[in-house]
Amino acid sequence: MKIIVVGHGMVGHKFLESLAEAGLQGAQVTVLCEEPRPAYDRVHLSEFFAGKSAQDLSLVEPGFFERTGFSLRLAARAAQIDRDAHTVTLVDGQVLAYDKLVLATGSSPFVPPVPGHDRADCFVYRTIEDLEAMTECGARAQSGVVVGGGLLGLECAKALRDLGLQTHVVEFAPRLMAVQVDEGGGRVLRHKIEDLGLQVHTQKNTLQIIDGETARHRMVFADGSHLETDMIVFSAGIRPRDELARSSGLPLGPRG
């Protein structure tokens, strides 16, 4: 039996561990991982800034793939599924056949479609490679902005602060962590965050990002104000990676 697993994040690797525990005999398991490294603990990603290495964050026990015989293909991205032919086509054109196909594609960061969001030194907070790029930028920056005042955004803001940057949090809602806390809780949280030396800007709708006069970027807000910064990190939520399922006609839930 040929089994292809698309995705090697935390859930994808847990599935592989379950397969190994089940002791499937004679199964040929191929894992397609679009990142350049095996699965790691994304929940504790912020600890990378505190000195943990990629190896420290790894979820893969030494020798796991050698012991199981599973084939891990790094930097391999699936582009298309043919459910009739039972094949997966990779972005490089290679076609792999399967008997069983497992999608463990996870999610991707949502970046608001603001003009200028794709400028240099604008990042998302998702992978170890993202954090490495942020660290490099932080070494030549004075200030940073995190767009998004949720839990991950606040973690990211703390990381920028630890890099020695003057750090701002820009949030569209009237309070931080608007989904998790009420108005009173939001006030307490804001005070705690500001006590850490971060500046909080709520009810800010970014219209565009352009060249700054005193920093690399100027974020122009709908209320007529603006904020200048050297680095911008988007942490405005996630979206399901359901494009493969969608394009191959699989049924999707209301949110993908």
Protein backbone atom coordinates (compact mmCIF):
# COMPACT_ATOMS: atom_id res chain seq x y z
CA MET A 1 0.00 0.00 0.00
CA LYS A 2 1.26 3.45 -0.95
CA ILE A 3 0.32 6.18 1.54
CA ILE A 4 1.09 9.84 0.86
CA VAL A 5 0.85 12.38 3.66
CA VAL A 6 0.69 15.99 2.51
CA GLY A 7 2.05 18.16 5.30
CA HIS A 8 4.57 17.55 8.04
CA GLY A 9 3.55 19.89 10.81
CA MET A 10 2.58 18.97 14.34
CA VAL A 11 -0.56 17.09 13.32
CA GLY A 12 1.04 15.42 10.33
CA HIS A 13 3.86 14.05 12.45
CA LYS A 14 1.47 12.86 15.16
CA PHE A 15 -0.31 10.88 12.46
CA LEU A 16 3.01 9.34 11.39
CA GLU A 17 3.71 8.33 14.99
CA SER A 18 0.29 6.68 15.10
CA LEU A 19 1.03 4.81 11.88
CA ALA A 20 4.32 3.59 13.33
CA GLU A 21 2.62 2.45 16.52
CA ALA A 22 0.01 0.59 14.47
CA GLY A 23 2.84 -1.36 12.83
CA LEU A 24 1.55 -1.25 9.25
CA GLN A 25 3.42 -4.01 7.47
CA GLY A 26 4.51 -3.42 3.90
CA ALA A 27 3.14 0.12 3.67
CA GLN A 28 5.17 2.58 1.63
CA VAL A 29 4.70 5.96 3.36
CA THR A 30 5.84 9.18 1.67
CA VAL A 31 5.62 12.49 3.53
CA LEU A 32 5.58 15.77 1.60
CA CYS A 33 6.89 18.65 3.71
CA GLU A 34 7.01 22.03 2.00
CA GLU A 35 9.29 23.53 4.66
CA PRO A 36 13.05 22.87 4.52
CA ARG A 37 13.06 21.09 7.90
CA PRO A 38 11.02 18.33 9.60
CA ALA A 39 8.13 19.00 11.99
CA TYR A 40 8.80 21.24 14.97
CA ASP A 41 6.86 22.66 17.90
CA ARG A 42 5.18 25.73 16.44
CA VAL A 43 3.32 26.41 19.70
CA HIS A 44 6.62 27.24 21.41
CA LEU A 45 8.10 29.05 18.42
CA SER A 46 8.72 32.22 20.44
CA GLU A 47 11.31 30.34 22.49
CA PHE A 48 13.53 30.50 19.41
CA PHE A 49 14.18 34.13 20.36
CA ALA A 50 15.11 33.01 23.87
CA GLY A 51 17.92 30.84 22.56
CA LYS A 52 16.28 27.54 21.61
CA SER A 53 17.55 26.07 18.36
CA ALA A 54 15.59 24.47 15.55
CA GLN A 55 16.80 21.11 16.86
CA ASP A 56 15.50 21.95 20.35
CA LEU A 57 12.05 22.59 18.85
CA SER A 58 12.04 19.48 16.66
CA LEU A 59 9.23 16.96 17.19
CA VAL A 60 11.06 14.17 15.37
CA GLU A 61 12.88 11.64 17.52
CA PRO A 62 16.41 10.90 16.27
CA GLY A 63 16.28 7.96 13.86
CA PHE A 64 12.47 8.05 13.48
CA PHE A 65 12.43 7.93 9.68
CA GLU A 66 15.28 5.42 9.49
CA ARG A 67 13.52 3.15 11.99
CA THR A 68 10.09 3.34 10.37
CA GLY A 69 11.21 3.35 6.76
CA PHE A 70 8.93 6.32 6.06
CA SER A 71 10.25 8.63 3.34
CA LEU A 72 10.39 12.33 4.23
CA ARG A 73 10.71 14.75 1.33
CA LEU A 74 11.64 18.26 2.40
CA ALA A 75 10.88 21.39 0.35
CA ALA A 76 8.30 19.31 -1.53
CA ARG A 77 5.00 21.03 -2.17
CA ALA A 78 1.93 19.31 -3.57
CA ALA A 79 0.25 21.33 -6.31
CA GLN A 80 -2.58 19.10 -7.55
CA ILE A 81 -4.53 15.97 -6.67
CA ASP A 82 -6.07 13.71 -9.29
CA ARG A 83 -8.58 11.64 -7.33
CA ASP A 84 -9.50 9.50 -10.34
CA ALA A 85 -5.92 8.59 -11.20
CA HIS A 86 -4.87 8.47 -7.51
CA THR A 87 -1.89 10.77 -8.09
CA VAL A 88 -0.37 13.86 -6.50
CA THR A 89 1.54 16.32 -8.69
CA LEU A 90 4.30 18.38 -7.06
CA VAL A 91 5.18 21.95 -8.02
CA ASP A 92 8.28 20.65 -9.79
CA GLY A 93 6.07 18.52 -12.04
CA GLN A 94 6.81 15.16 -10.44
CA VAL A 95 3.81 12.83 -10.17
CA LEU A 96 3.42 10.40 -7.27
CA ALA A 97 0.88 7.58 -7.09
CA TYR A 98 -1.06 6.73 -3.93
CA ASP A 99 -3.51 4.19 -2.60
CA LYS A 100 -4.38 6.34 0.41
CA LEU A 101 -3.90 10.09 0.67
CA VAL A 102 -3.86 12.06 3.93
CA LEU A 103 -4.10 15.86 3.95
CA ALA A 104 -2.48 17.46 7.00
CA THR A 105 -1.97 20.85 5.43
CA GLY A 106 -2.67 23.00 8.49
CA SER A 107 -3.05 26.74 8.10
CA SER A 108 -1.28 29.81 6.79
CA PRO A 109 -1.03 33.34 8.21
CA PHE A 110 -3.61 35.85 7.09
CA VAL A 111 -2.05 39.02 5.73
CA PRO A 112 -4.50 41.90 5.27
CA PRO A 113 -4.55 42.96 1.61
CA VAL A 114 -3.20 46.41 2.44
CA PRO A 115 -1.25 48.13 -0.33
CA GLY A 116 2.41 47.80 0.61
CA HIS A 117 2.02 44.65 2.71
CA ASP A 118 4.62 42.92 0.54
CA ARG A 119 7.36 45.49 1.02
CA ALA A 120 10.81 44.41 2.14
CA ASP A 121 11.10 43.91 5.92
CA CYS A 122 7.43 42.97 6.25
CA PHE A 123 7.03 39.50 7.74
CA VAL A 124 4.61 36.89 9.05
CA TYR A 125 5.18 34.99 12.30
CA ARG A 126 4.87 31.39 11.30
CA THR A 127 8.06 29.44 10.58
CA ILE A 128 11.61 29.23 11.87
CA GLU A 129 12.70 30.81 8.60
CA ASP A 130 10.38 33.75 9.35
CA LEU A 131 12.02 34.17 12.75
CA GLU A 132 15.51 33.99 11.28
CA ALA A 133 14.60 36.74 8.82
CA MET A 134 13.09 38.84 11.61
CA THR A 135 16.25 38.44 13.69
CA GLU A 136 18.40 39.58 10.76
CA CYS A 137 16.15 42.59 10.20
CA GLY A 138 16.06 43.38 13.91
CA ALA A 139 19.84 43.71 13.96
CA ARG A 140 19.60 46.70 11.60
CA ALA A 141 16.30 48.16 12.84
CA GLN A 142 15.31 50.56 15.58
CA SER A 143 11.56 49.93 15.71
CA GLY A 144 8.99 47.25 14.95
CA VAL A 145 5.21 46.97 14.63
CA VAL A 146 3.08 43.88 15.10
CA VAL A 147 -0.23 44.04 13.27
CA GLY A 148 -2.63 42.03 15.41
CA GLY A 149 -3.32 42.15 19.12
CA GLY A 150 -4.25 38.51 19.68
CA LEU A 151 -2.29 36.02 21.74
CA LEU A 152 0.27 35.23 19.03
CA GLY A 153 0.62 38.91 18.15
CA LEU A 154 1.44 39.76 21.75
CA GLU A 155 3.98 36.93 21.88
CA CYS A 156 5.55 38.33 18.74
CA ALA A 157 5.60 41.84 20.19
CA LYS A 158 7.42 40.57 23.27
CA ALA A 159 9.97 38.93 20.96
CA LEU A 160 10.57 42.20 19.10
CA ARG A 161 10.97 43.97 22.40
CA ASP A 162 13.52 41.38 23.46
CA LEU A 163 15.42 42.12 20.23
CA GLY A 164 15.85 45.63 21.57
CA LEU A 165 13.35 47.34 19.27
CA GLN A 166 10.93 50.10 20.12
CA THR A 167 7.81 47.99 19.70
CA HIS A 168 4.22 48.84 18.82
CA VAL A 169 1.08 46.70 18.60
CA VAL A 170 -1.55 47.82 16.09
CA GLU A 171 -5.02 46.31 16.53
CA PHE A 172 -8.18 46.92 14.48
CA ALA A 173 -10.53 46.07 17.38
CA PRO A 174 -11.13 48.41 20.34
CA ARG A 175 -9.07 46.20 22.69
CA LEU A 176 -6.36 43.57 22.73
CA MET A 177 -7.39 39.90 22.53
CA ALA A 178 -10.93 41.02 21.71
CA VAL A 179 -12.15 37.45 21.22
CA GLN A 180 -10.81 36.17 24.54
CA VAL A 181 -11.40 39.00 27.03
CA ASP A 182 -14.15 41.53 27.79
CA GLU A 183 -13.71 45.29 28.03
CA GLY A 184 -12.51 45.24 31.63
CA GLY A 185 -10.06 42.45 30.92
CA GLY A 186 -8.85 44.36 27.88
CA ARG A 187 -8.01 47.39 30.02
CA VAL A 188 -6.03 45.28 32.49
CA LEU A 189 -4.21 43.50 29.65
CA ARG A 190 -3.34 46.76 27.95
CA HIS A 191 -1.79 48.12 31.15
CA LYS A 192 0.24 44.92 31.56
CA ILE A 193 1.49 45.09 28.00
CA GLU A 194 2.39 48.76 28.25
CA ASP A 195 4.23 48.07 31.50
CA LEU A 196 6.53 45.81 29.44
CA GLY A 197 7.53 48.85 27.40
CA LEU A 198 5.29 48.21 24.38
CA GLN A 199 3.05 50.85 22.82
CA VAL A 200 -0.51 49.81 22.00
CA HIS A 201 -2.64 51.34 19.25
CA THR A 202 -6.23 50.06 19.10
CA GLN A 203 -9.05 50.85 16.63
CA LYS A 204 -6.50 51.35 13.87
CA ASN A 205 -7.41 50.43 10.31
CA THR A 206 -4.32 50.44 8.09
CA LEU A 207 -5.04 51.88 4.65
CA GLN A 208 -1.58 51.60 3.12
CA ILE A 209 2.11 51.17 3.87
CA ILE A 210 4.46 53.59 2.14
CA ASP A 211 7.99 54.93 2.51
CA GLY A 212 8.61 56.56 5.84
CA GLU A 213 10.43 59.79 6.55
CA THR A 214 12.10 58.78 9.83
CA ALA A 215 11.93 54.98 9.33
CA ARG A 216 11.59 52.48 6.48
CA HIS A 217 7.81 52.27 6.52
CA ARG A 218 4.91 54.59 7.22
CA MET A 219 1.61 52.93 8.13
CA VAL A 220 -1.24 55.23 7.15
CA PHE A 221 -4.44 54.75 9.17
CA ALA A 222 -8.05 55.46 8.28
CA ASP A 223 -8.39 58.05 11.08
CA GLY A 224 -5.74 60.22 9.42
CA SER A 225 -2.91 59.29 11.78
CA HIS A 226 0.22 57.36 10.86
CA LEU A 227 3.02 55.35 12.46
CA GLU A 228 6.58 54.94 11.20
CA THR A 229 8.61 51.79 11.78
CA ASP A 230 11.53 49.80 10.39
CA MET A 231 9.89 46.36 10.59
CA ILE A 232 6.30 45.13 10.30
CA VAL A 233 5.11 41.68 11.37
CA PHE A 234 1.60 40.54 10.47
CA SER A 235 -0.05 38.38 13.10
CA ALA A 236 -3.68 38.85 12.17
CA GLY A 237 -4.95 35.29 12.41
CA ILE A 238 -4.75 32.21 10.21
CA ARG A 239 -6.63 30.66 7.31
CA PRO A 240 -6.98 26.94 6.53
CA ARG A 241 -4.71 25.51 3.87
CA ASP A 242 -7.63 23.99 2.01
CA GLU A 243 -6.68 24.89 -1.55
CA LEU A 244 -5.71 21.31 -2.45
CA ALA A 245 -8.95 19.92 -1.06
CA ARG A 246 -10.96 22.67 -2.72
CA SER A 247 -9.40 22.26 -6.16
CA SER A 248 -9.85 18.48 -6.06
CA GLY A 249 -13.56 18.71 -5.25
CA LEU A 250 -13.47 17.43 -1.67
CA PRO A 251 -16.30 18.66 0.56
CA LEU A 252 -15.28 21.47 2.92
CA GLY A 253 -16.66 22.76 6.19
CA PRO A 254 -18.15 26.28 6.43
CA ARG A 255 -14.74 27.71 7.37
CA GLY A 256 -12.72 25.57 4.97
